Structures are given as C-alpha cells and as structure tokens.
C-alpha cells in the first residue's frame, strides 16, 4: 500500500535524506500515512477499540508500513482513535515522539484524527484542557478541530502561557508544519490550480479505474467440475437473469466515503452499474432480464440460460460498519437461494471485506469477490465474459465462521474457507 505515496507525492530521489518529506512539484500532493498505530488489530475488529498486543508484536506487525512510508518521503502521519493496551494513541508520547519522531526520525508533521484529542477522555471532551495538554505533549503537531476552534486556541494559549506546554514543543510543531508547506511549494503557489479540474472524471482516468477493477476481482469458485466451468460466461444466450440489490446501484458499488461520509445507495454519481455493463457486453440478441428479488418459482419457470446475482453490504464507513456477524443483509441471502437453487449462477459479492458466505457456497455455481468496484462496473463485466482473465488473489484470509476470527496464516487453528493468497484464474477468451 505504501506504493500509493509516490503516486501522490512523486518518486523520491535516491539521494534524498531519509525521514524528510518530499513532494515533486505543484501537480503533486502531500500524502498521509494512517492510522498510527495498530488500528487494524483492535479487539474483535471494532473501530476505535483497544489493540492488545506486546510491544514486539506491535512493532513487527503494525509498524513496517510506517518504516516504508517514511523512507518514501511521506509528508504527514495521522494518529489513530484506537488504544494500545489501554493507552489512547492520541496520548501516547512513547510511540509518537519517542518512536516515530526520534527513533524513525520522521521529519514531517503528525496530525490528529477528527476530534481525536477530544476522545482521550471518556466521555469525549469531558476535560478538553487535559486533552489539549496530553495530545500536544504526546507529539501531535496539528490538531483537527472541525467546529469550535476558538476553544482549542484559547486552551492551548493558556497552557503555553502558564508553562504547562513549553514553547520548544510549539516551535517543533510549527517547524514541521512549515517544512511540509515549503516542500509542497505552498508559499509560491498558495491556491489550487483550477486548470486541473478538467481531469476530474476524465475518460482516461475511468479507463484506469476500470483496469483496477478487472485486476482486483478474485474468483473463489468456478464449478466443482473443471470440465464444465461456468466462467467465462457466454455472451450469446437466449435469455439471462440478473438479480440482486447491488446489480443496478452505483452507490452500493462505491461504498462509504463517496459523496457523503457514509456513502449512499442509488444513482449518486456518474458511472456504469454492473447491470448496464452486462447489457453493454452481451450479444445484442441476448435478452437480459433484471429482477432485484425474484422468487424461486419464477426463476425455474423462465428457462434462463444462466443467472448473475450481485449482492453485498450497504455503504458504510468507520464505526457504522462494525459487525460481529459479518453477514450479508437481506435480501441478499434469499436472492442467492432463490436464484442459485434453481439454475446455474455466478454470485458477485460487493463488499469491503470478507463476509459470511459459507452457508451458500454449495448452492452457488461460481463465486466472485468484487470488493467495492466504484463507478466502473464495466470492469466486472470485462472479466465475467472473458474479455480478460481472472488474476486477482485474496489479500485477506476468508473465514468459514466468525468464531474463527482473528485468524492468520500460521495460526494453529488456521482452517479458512479460502486461504490468504487464494484466487482461481481463467484465460482471456473472446467468448461468443
């Protein structure tokens, strides 16, 4: 994932000093590595929860990406809402100042998360003066204050004037923030270059996104018999069924942090739904029937050649996505049963993570993890119909039941539905 940094900031020169932020010109932006540290290892995966792990485990599992980020000249690091062994990360001077700034010699600036210092106390904002003191002393250089910024300014000023926070700490924060601004060239070019807006939604960018969709799809099942795989699908067929809540829904394809924080279902932005992509791809004589929630009797009676079922999770972000069962909400499961129990089908999962799918696997002919393909649903059809082959591999272990979690490669109880790195392949064929 740290390869995103040169994409945003530019490739750092080989002779650039390590730890110093780098941005290659005004057409690049400052990247942010987040969320420091251990937010991916919280108990039960709950957002903003406690990461219980030894120091060795924390540094060996959760720190390497930050090593790589700093080597690549990342400009900023954002702190996590989570805790490490009961200590809020926004209050952790040992890791922020001691390790990130001193041991790893990070020279960019450290930023809080949205109202991050407020959550040092429970309930949040219960003692804001204490939160300011603790967060700044821990080594946070820039505080994200979305609303009542005057309260923060007054509180910080008072703490400095009364010698609770030394001026040397303020000088360090200002120096780091100015360093990033100088590196970005903000004093020479303080305003955004609006000539770049013409590239927003440009076709060449959509084509790149479509390619990313194709390459990220993971084929989990393709018939039990290798002699008769369902995929790639034939483009020529008398009549095919497309079903599911996510087949014709750009918002569901995009997930959270799209247009709004939690995302939205429906036609929220320009793009191609998977249903439209299917219609674009099949032979003009192939009849495409779309019914979101068909019943089993109808499916059996209509003599479809095959079915494509597109189901998954609704859009979510952060805490709103916390789930202790990781199930697909209705009508997803009933749609799978009604359709795949009647005819050969491929199920396309639209989810931001592995979900509970084991109860339905035996019913499903072919299974594809499409993750969140965003606006370019044509990339899904490109691979389903064989214009390109499946090449993607799982970046997560896919569990059988949530009782197995957490489960990682090397664990004694490692018995996944699909192991880390799994992914069937198909060859690209111009299927007719």
Protein backbone atom coordinates (compact mmCIF):
# COMPACT_ATOMS: atom_id res chain seq x y z
CA UNK A 1 0.00 0.00 0.00
CA UNK A 2 2.93 2.36 0.53
CA UNK A 3 3.32 2.44 -3.27
CA UNK A 4 0.45 4.95 -3.17
CA UNK A 5 2.86 7.51 -1.72
CA UNK A 6 4.99 8.08 -4.85
CA UNK A 7 1.76 8.18 -6.85
CA UNK A 8 0.58 11.11 -4.74
CA UNK A 9 3.87 12.83 -3.93
CA UNK A 10 6.14 11.72 -6.77
CA UNK A 11 9.17 9.44 -6.76
CA UNK A 12 11.65 10.46 -4.10
CA UNK A 13 15.24 10.95 -5.40
CA UNK A 14 17.69 8.26 -4.32
CA UNK A 15 19.89 10.83 -2.56
CA UNK A 16 17.02 12.39 -0.60
CA UNK A 17 17.59 12.36 3.18
CA UNK A 18 15.53 9.68 4.89
CA UNK A 19 12.66 10.88 7.02
CA UNK A 20 12.35 14.25 5.29
CA UNK A 21 9.04 14.83 3.46
CA UNK A 22 9.14 15.04 -0.32
CA UNK A 23 6.63 16.43 -2.83
CA UNK A 24 7.63 16.65 -6.50
CA UNK A 25 6.09 19.88 -7.71
CA UNK A 26 2.75 21.63 -7.72
CA UNK A 27 0.94 18.86 -9.58
CA UNK A 28 1.60 16.51 -6.67
CA UNK A 29 0.09 16.47 -3.18
CA UNK A 30 1.24 15.59 0.33
CA UNK A 31 0.43 12.03 1.34
CA UNK A 32 -0.65 10.91 4.81
CA UNK A 33 0.19 7.55 6.41
CA UNK A 34 -2.54 6.46 8.81
CA UNK A 35 -3.77 5.49 11.32
CA UNK A 36 -0.81 5.29 13.68
CA UNK A 37 -0.65 2.72 15.25
CA UNK A 38 -2.36 -0.67 15.43
CA UNK A 39 -5.86 0.35 14.41
CA UNK A 40 -6.05 -2.73 12.19
CA UNK A 41 -5.57 -5.02 15.19
CA UNK A 42 -8.27 -3.89 17.58
CA UNK A 43 -10.21 -6.40 19.67
CA UNK A 44 -12.95 -8.00 17.54
CA UNK A 45 -12.08 -5.53 14.78
CA UNK A 46 -14.24 -2.85 16.39
CA UNK A 47 -13.45 0.68 15.26
CA UNK A 48 -11.62 2.85 17.84
CA UNK A 49 -11.18 -0.19 20.09
CA UNK A 50 -8.16 -1.44 22.05
CA UNK A 51 -5.27 -3.27 20.37
CA UNK A 52 -3.97 -5.83 22.84
CA UNK A 53 -0.51 -6.95 21.78
CA UNK A 54 3.07 -6.97 23.03
CA UNK A 55 5.48 -4.21 22.03
CA UNK A 56 7.35 -6.69 19.85
CA UNK A 57 4.12 -7.69 18.13
CA UNK A 58 3.07 -4.08 17.65
CA UNK A 59 6.37 -3.11 16.04
CA UNK A 60 6.75 -6.24 13.92
CA UNK A 61 3.17 -6.42 12.62
CA UNK A 62 1.83 -2.86 12.59
CA UNK A 63 4.93 -0.68 12.19
CA UNK A 64 6.57 -1.89 8.92
CA UNK A 65 4.26 0.14 6.66
CA UNK A 66 5.33 3.29 8.52
CA UNK A 67 9.01 2.44 8.02
CA UNK A 68 8.35 2.16 4.30
CA UNK A 69 6.24 5.33 4.24
CA UNK A 70 8.97 7.39 5.88
CA UNK A 71 11.61 6.00 3.51
CA UNK A 72 9.41 7.13 0.61
CA UNK A 73 9.19 10.66 1.99
CA UNK A 74 5.63 10.69 3.32
CA UNK A 75 4.73 14.20 4.45
CA UNK A 76 2.30 13.54 7.30
CA UNK A 77 1.22 10.81 9.71
CA UNK A 78 -2.26 10.69 11.27
CA UNK A 79 -2.87 9.23 14.72
CA UNK A 80 -5.46 6.51 15.34
CA UNK A 81 -8.52 6.81 17.56
CA UNK A 82 -7.66 3.37 18.92
CA UNK A 83 -5.66 2.45 22.01
CA UNK A 84 -2.67 0.20 22.57
CA UNK A 85 -3.00 -1.92 25.69
CA UNK A 86 -5.41 0.61 27.15
CA UNK A 87 -3.49 3.80 26.31
CA UNK A 88 -5.13 6.10 23.75
CA UNK A 89 -2.84 6.58 20.77
CA UNK A 90 -3.54 10.32 20.79
CA UNK A 91 -1.97 10.35 24.27
CA UNK A 92 0.95 8.01 23.55
CA UNK A 93 4.12 10.11 23.81
CA UNK A 94 6.30 6.99 23.80
CA UNK A 95 5.20 5.95 20.31
CA UNK A 96 4.56 9.36 18.72
CA UNK A 97 7.57 11.31 19.96
CA UNK A 98 9.80 8.52 21.21
CA UNK A 99 9.49 6.09 18.32
CA UNK A 100 8.02 7.87 15.29
CA UNK A 101 9.89 11.15 15.62
CA UNK A 102 13.06 10.15 17.45
CA UNK A 103 13.76 6.51 16.59
CA UNK A 104 12.47 6.58 13.00
CA UNK A 105 13.48 10.23 12.56
CA UNK A 106 10.24 11.28 10.86
CA UNK A 107 10.55 14.96 9.92
CA UNK A 108 7.09 15.64 8.56
CA UNK A 109 4.22 16.61 10.83
CA UNK A 110 1.89 14.48 12.94
CA UNK A 111 -1.83 15.26 12.73
CA UNK A 112 -4.70 14.15 14.93
CA UNK A 113 -7.80 12.48 13.60
CA UNK A 114 -11.15 14.33 13.51
CA UNK A 115 -11.71 15.50 17.12
CA UNK A 116 -9.11 12.89 18.05
CA UNK A 117 -7.81 14.59 21.18
CA UNK A 118 -11.38 15.01 22.45
CA UNK A 119 -11.58 11.21 22.72
CA UNK A 120 -8.59 10.95 25.02
CA UNK A 121 -11.18 11.29 27.79
CA UNK A 122 -14.34 9.27 28.29
CA UNK A 123 -16.82 10.65 27.55
CA UNK A 124 -15.17 12.69 24.79
CA UNK A 125 -14.48 16.34 25.55
CA UNK A 126 -15.02 15.76 29.27
CA UNK A 127 -11.83 17.67 30.12
CA UNK A 128 -10.73 19.50 26.99
CA UNK A 129 -7.83 21.33 28.65
CA UNK A 130 -6.39 17.97 29.70
CA UNK A 131 -6.93 16.60 26.18
CA UNK A 132 -5.08 19.54 24.61
CA UNK A 133 -2.20 19.20 27.07
CA UNK A 134 -1.92 15.44 26.63
CA UNK A 135 -2.20 15.45 22.83
CA UNK A 136 0.30 18.24 22.24
CA UNK A 137 2.72 16.82 24.80
CA UNK A 138 2.45 13.41 23.15
CA UNK A 139 3.86 14.98 19.99
CA UNK A 140 0.85 15.80 17.81
CA UNK A 141 1.72 18.85 15.71
CA UNK A 142 -1.58 19.72 14.05
CA UNK A 143 -4.96 19.21 15.70
CA UNK A 144 -8.04 18.56 13.58
CA UNK A 145 -10.71 20.78 15.13
CA UNK A 146 -13.77 20.81 12.86
CA UNK A 147 -16.01 23.17 14.81
CA UNK A 148 -15.10 25.10 17.95
CA UNK A 149 -11.56 26.09 17.03
CA UNK A 150 -11.58 29.15 19.31
CA UNK A 151 -11.90 26.85 22.32
CA UNK A 152 -8.80 24.98 21.20
CA UNK A 153 -6.81 28.16 20.51
CA UNK A 154 -7.75 29.65 23.88
CA UNK A 155 -6.95 26.42 25.70
CA UNK A 156 -3.59 25.93 24.01
CA UNK A 157 -2.61 29.58 24.52
CA UNK A 158 -3.40 29.35 28.22
CA UNK A 159 -1.38 26.14 28.62
CA UNK A 160 1.65 27.74 26.95
CA UNK A 161 1.39 31.00 28.90
CA UNK A 162 1.20 29.09 32.17
CA UNK A 163 4.20 26.91 31.24
CA UNK A 164 2.32 23.61 31.07
CA UNK A 165 3.42 23.25 27.44
CA UNK A 166 6.96 24.51 26.69
CA UNK A 167 7.48 26.88 23.78
CA UNK A 168 10.01 24.38 22.41
CA UNK A 169 7.12 21.97 21.75
CA UNK A 170 5.23 24.68 19.85
CA UNK A 171 8.38 25.56 17.89
CA UNK A 172 8.84 21.91 16.92
CA UNK A 173 5.25 21.66 15.67
CA UNK A 174 5.44 24.92 13.71
CA UNK A 175 8.77 23.93 12.17
CA UNK A 176 7.38 20.60 11.00
CA UNK A 177 4.23 22.15 9.54
CA UNK A 178 6.21 24.85 7.74
CA UNK A 179 8.65 22.25 6.41
CA UNK A 180 5.81 20.41 4.68
CA UNK A 181 4.36 23.65 3.33
CA UNK A 182 7.74 24.67 1.91
CA UNK A 183 8.24 21.23 0.37
CA UNK A 184 4.80 21.50 -1.24
CA UNK A 185 5.59 24.97 -2.60
CA UNK A 186 2.53 26.48 -0.92
CA UNK A 187 4.18 29.86 -0.46
CA UNK A 188 4.95 30.09 -4.17
CA UNK A 189 1.63 28.58 -5.25
CA UNK A 190 -0.82 29.04 -2.37
CA UNK A 191 -4.02 28.41 -4.34
CA UNK A 192 -5.28 25.33 -6.12
CA UNK A 193 -4.64 25.06 -9.86
CA UNK A 194 -8.18 25.04 -11.21
CA UNK A 195 -6.95 24.13 -14.68
CA UNK A 196 -6.64 20.60 -13.32
CA UNK A 197 -10.39 20.29 -12.75
CA UNK A 198 -10.84 19.31 -16.39
CA UNK A 199 -9.28 15.96 -15.49
CA UNK A 200 -11.93 15.10 -12.90
CA UNK A 201 -13.87 12.15 -14.27
CA UNK A 202 -11.77 12.14 -17.45
CA UNK A 203 -12.23 9.10 -19.65
CA UNK A 204 -8.57 8.10 -19.36
CA UNK A 205 -8.94 8.05 -15.58
CA UNK A 206 -12.13 5.99 -15.82
CA UNK A 207 -10.29 3.53 -18.04
CA UNK A 208 -7.56 3.23 -15.43
CA UNK A 209 -10.18 2.65 -12.73
CA UNK A 210 -11.82 0.03 -14.95
CA UNK A 211 -8.46 -1.73 -15.28
CA UNK A 212 -8.07 -1.67 -11.49
CA UNK A 213 -11.49 -3.31 -11.14
CA UNK A 214 -10.54 -6.09 -13.57
CA UNK A 215 -7.29 -6.83 -11.77
CA UNK A 216 -8.77 -6.76 -8.26
CA UNK A 217 -11.57 -9.28 -8.86
CA UNK A 218 -10.95 -12.60 -7.10
CA UNK A 219 -12.52 -15.80 -8.44
CA UNK A 220 -13.31 -18.01 -5.44
CA UNK A 221 -15.30 -20.77 -7.13
CA UNK A 222 -15.97 -21.85 -10.71
CA UNK A 223 -17.91 -25.12 -10.64
CA UNK A 224 -16.78 -28.20 -8.80
CA UNK A 225 -16.05 -29.87 -12.12
CA UNK A 226 -13.15 -28.36 -14.07
CA UNK A 227 -14.65 -29.85 -17.22
CA UNK A 228 -17.67 -27.59 -17.04
CA UNK A 229 -16.80 -24.19 -15.54
CA UNK A 230 -19.45 -21.50 -15.73
CA UNK A 231 -16.95 -18.70 -16.22
CA UNK A 232 -16.24 -17.09 -18.55
CA UNK A 233 -19.89 -16.58 -19.38
CA UNK A 234 -21.12 -16.90 -22.97
CA UNK A 235 -22.18 -13.60 -24.49
CA UNK A 236 -24.66 -15.32 -26.76
CA UNK A 237 -27.61 -16.80 -24.89
CA UNK A 238 -31.35 -16.79 -25.42
CA UNK A 239 -32.19 -15.21 -22.07
CA UNK A 240 -30.21 -14.45 -18.91
CA UNK A 241 -31.27 -13.28 -15.47
CA UNK A 242 -29.58 -10.53 -13.49
CA UNK A 243 -30.70 -10.26 -9.87
CA UNK A 244 -29.67 -8.70 -6.59
CA UNK A 245 -29.73 -5.41 -4.69
CA UNK A 246 -26.29 -4.37 -5.96
CA UNK A 247 -26.69 -5.09 -9.67
CA UNK A 248 -28.05 -1.68 -10.64
CA UNK A 249 -26.78 0.58 -7.87
CA UNK A 250 -23.79 2.90 -8.26
CA UNK A 251 -23.92 3.92 -4.60
CA UNK A 252 -23.67 0.32 -3.40
CA UNK A 253 -20.75 -0.28 -5.78
CA UNK A 254 -18.89 2.71 -4.34
CA UNK A 255 -19.44 2.12 -0.62
CA UNK A 256 -18.64 4.66 2.09
CA UNK A 257 -16.74 7.93 1.73
CA UNK A 258 -18.46 8.59 -1.61
CA UNK A 259 -20.33 11.90 -2.00
CA UNK A 260 -21.09 11.67 1.74
CA UNK A 261 -19.21 10.25 4.72
CA UNK A 262 -21.32 7.08 4.96
CA UNK A 263 -21.96 6.88 1.22
CA UNK A 264 -25.43 6.46 -0.24
CA UNK A 265 -27.35 3.84 -2.15
CA UNK A 266 -28.77 4.70 -5.53
CA UNK A 267 -27.80 6.80 -8.53
CA UNK A 268 -25.49 9.15 -6.64
CA UNK A 269 -22.80 9.87 -9.24
CA UNK A 270 -21.84 9.25 -12.84
CA UNK A 271 -20.68 5.75 -13.70
CA UNK A 272 -21.62 2.33 -15.02
CA UNK A 273 -23.60 -0.13 -12.94
CA UNK A 274 -22.85 -3.82 -13.27
CA UNK A 275 -26.27 -4.34 -14.89
CA UNK A 276 -25.54 -1.71 -17.53
CA UNK A 277 -22.10 -3.24 -18.06
CA UNK A 278 -23.66 -6.66 -18.66
CA UNK A 279 -26.07 -5.21 -21.20
CA UNK A 280 -23.15 -3.44 -22.90
CA UNK A 281 -21.21 -6.69 -23.16
CA UNK A 282 -23.59 -9.46 -24.20
CA UNK A 283 -24.64 -10.14 -27.76
CA UNK A 284 -27.38 -7.75 -28.95
CA UNK A 285 -29.71 -10.71 -29.39
CA UNK A 286 -29.28 -11.90 -25.80
CA UNK A 287 -32.27 -10.93 -23.68
CA UNK A 288 -31.24 -9.54 -20.28
CA UNK A 289 -33.95 -9.71 -17.61
CA UNK A 290 -33.35 -7.79 -14.39
CA UNK A 291 -35.40 -8.54 -11.28
CA UNK A 292 -33.94 -7.45 -7.97
CA UNK A 293 -35.65 -10.08 -5.79
CA UNK A 294 -37.08 -12.91 -7.91
CA UNK A 295 -38.80 -15.86 -6.28
CA UNK A 296 -37.67 -19.42 -6.94
CA UNK A 297 -40.79 -20.44 -8.85
CA UNK A 298 -40.35 -17.61 -11.34
CA UNK A 299 -36.67 -18.43 -11.88
CA UNK A 300 -37.44 -22.09 -12.56
CA UNK A 301 -40.25 -21.29 -14.98
CA UNK A 302 -38.46 -18.82 -17.26
CA UNK A 303 -35.82 -21.10 -18.81
CA UNK A 304 -32.90 -18.74 -18.28
CA UNK A 305 -29.54 -19.83 -19.72
CA UNK A 306 -27.79 -18.71 -16.53
CA UNK A 307 -28.04 -16.04 -13.84
CA UNK A 308 -25.80 -13.33 -12.42
CA UNK A 309 -26.58 -12.43 -8.80
CA UNK A 310 -25.00 -9.24 -7.45
CA UNK A 311 -25.40 -8.80 -3.69
CA UNK A 312 -23.42 -7.45 -0.77
CA UNK A 313 -23.25 -4.92 2.03
CA UNK A 314 -24.80 -1.45 2.09
CA UNK A 315 -22.41 1.52 2.11
CA UNK A 316 -20.73 2.27 5.44
CA UNK A 317 -17.68 3.95 6.91
CA UNK A 318 -15.82 3.51 10.18
CA UNK A 319 -17.89 2.62 13.26
CA UNK A 320 -21.09 2.29 11.26
CA UNK A 321 -19.54 -0.72 9.56
CA UNK A 322 -18.74 -2.60 12.77
CA UNK A 323 -20.27 -6.06 12.68
CA UNK A 324 -19.92 -9.04 14.98
CA UNK A 325 -21.50 -11.46 12.49
CA UNK A 326 -20.29 -10.15 9.09
CA UNK A 327 -23.38 -11.45 7.35
CA UNK A 328 -24.84 -10.21 4.08
CA UNK A 329 -28.10 -8.43 4.89
CA UNK A 330 -31.38 -9.47 3.35
CA UNK A 331 -32.49 -9.73 0.63
CA UNK A 332 -29.01 -10.94 -0.35
CA UNK A 333 -29.17 -14.46 1.14
CA UNK A 334 -32.72 -15.13 -0.05
CA UNK A 335 -31.84 -13.93 -3.55
CA UNK A 336 -28.88 -16.32 -3.65
CA UNK A 337 -31.09 -19.22 -2.50
CA UNK A 338 -33.97 -18.45 -4.87
CA UNK A 339 -31.80 -18.00 -7.94
CA UNK A 340 -28.86 -20.32 -7.42
CA UNK A 341 -31.09 -23.06 -6.09
CA UNK A 342 -32.92 -23.06 -9.42
CA UNK A 343 -30.32 -22.51 -12.16
CA UNK A 344 -26.58 -22.19 -12.71
CA UNK A 345 -25.46 -18.86 -11.35
CA UNK A 346 -22.47 -16.69 -10.63
CA UNK A 347 -22.65 -14.65 -7.44
CA UNK A 348 -20.75 -11.35 -7.44
CA UNK A 349 -20.10 -10.06 -3.92
CA UNK A 350 -19.93 -6.28 -3.41
CA UNK A 351 -18.28 -5.91 -0.02
CA UNK A 352 -15.41 -4.07 1.59
CA UNK A 353 -14.23 -7.22 3.39
CA UNK A 354 -14.72 -10.99 3.60
CA UNK A 355 -18.26 -11.81 4.70
CA UNK A 356 -20.17 -14.88 5.84
CA UNK A 357 -20.75 -16.85 2.64
CA UNK A 358 -20.10 -20.49 3.62
CA UNK A 359 -23.80 -21.44 4.06
CA UNK A 360 -24.44 -20.66 0.39
CA UNK A 361 -21.28 -21.90 -1.31
CA UNK A 362 -22.64 -25.35 -2.19
CA UNK A 363 -25.62 -23.72 -3.92
CA UNK A 364 -23.50 -21.28 -5.91
CA UNK A 365 -22.00 -22.35 -9.24
CA UNK A 366 -19.36 -19.62 -9.42
CA UNK A 367 -18.36 -17.01 -6.83
CA UNK A 368 -16.53 -13.71 -7.36
CA UNK A 369 -15.29 -11.24 -4.75
CA UNK A 370 -15.60 -7.87 -6.48
CA UNK A 371 -14.98 -5.80 -3.33
CA UNK A 372 -16.10 -2.19 -3.97
CA UNK A 373 -15.59 -1.62 -7.71
CA UNK A 374 -16.70 2.01 -7.61
CA UNK A 375 -18.14 3.72 -10.64
CA UNK A 376 -16.57 1.49 -13.28
CA UNK A 377 -18.79 -1.58 -13.23
CA UNK A 378 -17.74 -2.35 -16.79
CA UNK A 379 -14.55 -3.80 -15.34
CA UNK A 380 -16.62 -6.55 -13.71
CA UNK A 381 -18.31 -7.49 -16.98
CA UNK A 382 -14.95 -7.41 -18.79
CA UNK A 383 -13.81 -10.40 -16.75
CA UNK A 384 -17.12 -12.22 -16.26
CA UNK A 385 -17.49 -12.56 -20.02
CA UNK A 386 -13.88 -13.42 -20.76
CA UNK A 387 -12.50 -10.34 -22.47
CA UNK A 388 -9.92 -10.51 -19.67
CA UNK A 389 -8.99 -13.36 -17.36
CA UNK A 390 -9.31 -13.54 -13.59
CA UNK A 391 -5.93 -12.88 -11.97
CA UNK A 392 -6.70 -11.44 -8.51
CA UNK A 393 -5.62 -13.07 -5.25
CA UNK A 394 -7.04 -12.68 -1.75
CA UNK A 395 -5.29 -10.10 0.39
CA UNK A 396 -7.26 -11.41 3.39
CA UNK A 397 -7.94 -14.87 4.74
CA UNK A 398 -11.62 -15.69 4.09
CA UNK A 399 -13.11 -17.29 7.19
CA UNK A 400 -15.71 -20.04 7.47
CA UNK A 401 -17.35 -18.65 10.61
CA UNK A 402 -16.73 -15.51 12.64
CA UNK A 403 -15.90 -17.72 15.63
CA UNK A 404 -12.56 -18.38 13.90
CA UNK A 405 -11.55 -14.71 14.00
CA UNK A 406 -8.93 -13.44 14.35
CA UNK A 407 -7.27 -16.00 12.08
CA UNK A 408 -3.98 -15.53 10.27
CA UNK A 409 -1.59 -17.67 8.28
CA UNK A 410 0.49 -19.74 10.68
CA UNK A 411 -2.15 -19.92 13.42
CA UNK A 412 -2.73 -23.40 14.83
CA UNK A 413 -6.45 -23.05 14.14
CA UNK A 414 -5.93 -21.85 10.55
CA UNK A 415 -8.78 -23.51 8.66
CA UNK A 416 -10.20 -20.94 6.25
CA UNK A 417 -12.90 -21.18 3.65
CA UNK A 418 -10.40 -19.62 1.24
CA UNK A 419 -6.78 -19.07 2.34
CA UNK A 420 -4.75 -15.89 2.09
CA UNK A 421 -3.44 -15.53 -1.47
CA UNK A 422 -6.14 -17.76 -2.98
CA UNK A 423 -7.65 -16.95 -6.34
CA UNK A 424 -8.64 -19.10 -9.30
CA UNK A 425 -7.62 -17.96 -12.76
CA UNK A 426 -9.18 -18.00 -16.19
CA UNK A 427 -7.68 -17.25 -19.56
CA UNK A 428 -8.96 -14.31 -21.57
CA UNK A 429 -11.10 -15.50 -24.41
CA UNK A 430 -13.35 -13.72 -26.83
CA UNK A 431 -16.37 -15.72 -25.77
CA UNK A 432 -19.38 -15.68 -28.07
